[in-house]
Each structure stands twice: as C-alpha cells, then as structure tokens.
Amino acid sequence: MRLDDDDFHPLTLEDKKIFDDIYSRYPIEHSENTFGTCYCWRDYGHYEIAVVEGCLIIRGSTDSYTSLRCPIGPKNPDVLNAVIDLALSSGQQAPFLVLEPWQYQWVQEVRPDLRLKEDRDFFDYVYETSDLANLEGKQYLMIRKQLNKFRKKCPSTVEPITEENFDEVKEFLKRWCQWKECDKYTILKHEKEALWESLEVFDQLGYEGIAVKPHGEIGGIAIFEELNPKTAVVHYEKGMPECEGIYKEINYQTAAMLKDRYQFINRESDMGLPGLKEAKERYHPHHMAELHYLDVSS
C-alpha cells in the first residue's frame, strides 16, 4: 500500500461527519485529535485528512514543521506502514505523531525499528470531574481559600454560552485580546482566530460553554465539548485580570456543570509554559494523555 499527497484533502466543516463516525467506534483521548481543534486552528495548522481502509489520517503543516498522525480506526499494519513511509519521505525531523494510548503500543509492535520520543509539553492533563467539582481535602485547601476570596471581592453570576449571548462573548474576547496584545504574538493571534471561529460554528461543532459575569459583565469564559463518552475536553479558558481568582471560578463552574455527565475532564496541555504547568499540576491530574513523536534526527 502506498499513500501520496493526492489522497489528502483540506479539512472542511463537512468532514465532521467523518470524524464523528470513526470516533464513535474508536474513541479518542487526546484533545489534538478533535475535529473542532483541527477545524478552528486550520489557518495555522493547514490540516488535511485522508480516509483509507476505514482509518482517519490527519496531516498538519505550519511554517516550521509538517507531520502525519498515527491512523485512527481499525488496526491495519498496511495503512500504518504507508503513513510512516509518507512521513519519512517528508524529510522532517519529527514527521510522525502518536497521540492515542493504544497507538503507542501498537506502533512499537508493528515497527520496533522506530525511535518514539515523548513530548511532555503536549501531554494533556486529565482530571476526575468530581475532584474539580468538590475540591475536597487538604490538597485543595489553598484553591478553596482563593475561590472564596474571589467570590467575596467579585460576586458573579454564571450562564451558559448560547447564541443569545454570542455578541457579549465576542466583546469579552476583544477586551481579552487587547489586554494580551494578541496581534503581537503568532500563537495568540491564531488562538484569537480559533476562538472566533469556534463561535461562528459553535452549534455545528457540538460545543458548550459558560460565561462568568462578575458585577454583571463577562469576565471569563470556558468552551468545551465531549471528547469521548467518559471525558469532556475544555478547549478554551479565558479570564480578565480585574478579579483575581476568576480562573478558579471558571474551572469550578465548568466541573459543576459536567460532573453528572462525565467521569473525567481533559484540560489540554501546558505547552511547556512553566506558569501554566504549575497551575495545572495544582489541581492534581488523575492521568495524562501522552504524545509521542518519531525522532529521525539521529
């Protein structure tokens, strides 16, 4: 079996049904494989897909790299080898990504010659929803104190994000980007575009969200969706600096909304940012959804 560029097409909104069909039979655990992430970030990642023998193959390309992902679907060694061969032909130093737990063991069995390395910066943090919703025990004492302090200083209401308050959410995002100076930084600029895109096709993506409103104005949001039947994934958490502790309220309210529906919440990776890593570890993840890549540099 051989793959080439002609087997791929640029990702479109219509492709969601392909993802939904395959993921219903082969559930995913890593946020980077979600349709919404690929679609909303497509101007940055230039995502393309191919479907071969019932397997979904995702390829992404930025200014600095091109990579193919391990096929999602039935375990077909011919398809796997075809993807790896195409990846190796690209000449990239890290041309092949393995994001799902079952894939890592399978790739090692089929291709023991490959050198797979972990990329800790892009491990997803996965938490017990009940832990985030209850915040019980000494390990969450400081978070409870900070949450109480926020609520005294910034009494808030919480409402779901729907078409009725999209305009308010967009105004919030404009304020947030002005504060963060999104247009000065490549990733923040593309994240702004991804957030905007997510609102434009919110219902089509199956997204949900909450808006936290201190003193009657949106000060923070979270946008999330189902990752698999046991897990929700939070794609975006944004808060303004006026009310210290608002991220803890966003996190708590998201978990409270999801606790009766999902055992776990995936809050994505820390991207190697020390402050974000510390913040995510403070909530004591249940486990990590790992990412490995093929290292051909040596």
Foldseek 3Di string as FASTA:
>chain_A
DADDPVQKDFDDLVCQVLVVVLCQVFFADAPCPAPLNCVLLCVAFVWIWGADPNWIKIWTDHPQDIAIEQTRHDDDLVVRVNRVVRQVVVVTQWHYKYFGPVVVVSCCVSCVVFDKDWDQQWWWFKAFLCCLQPVDDPLSVVLVVLQVVLCVVFPKDKDKDDPVCLVLVLVLLVVQCVVVVQVVDDVSVSVSSSVVVCSVCVVSSQKIKMFIAGPRGGFWMWIWHDRHQAEIETDDIDGDDPRPSVSSVRSNVVSNVCNVRHRMYTDTGNSPDVVSVVVSCSSPGPDIRIMMTGGPPD
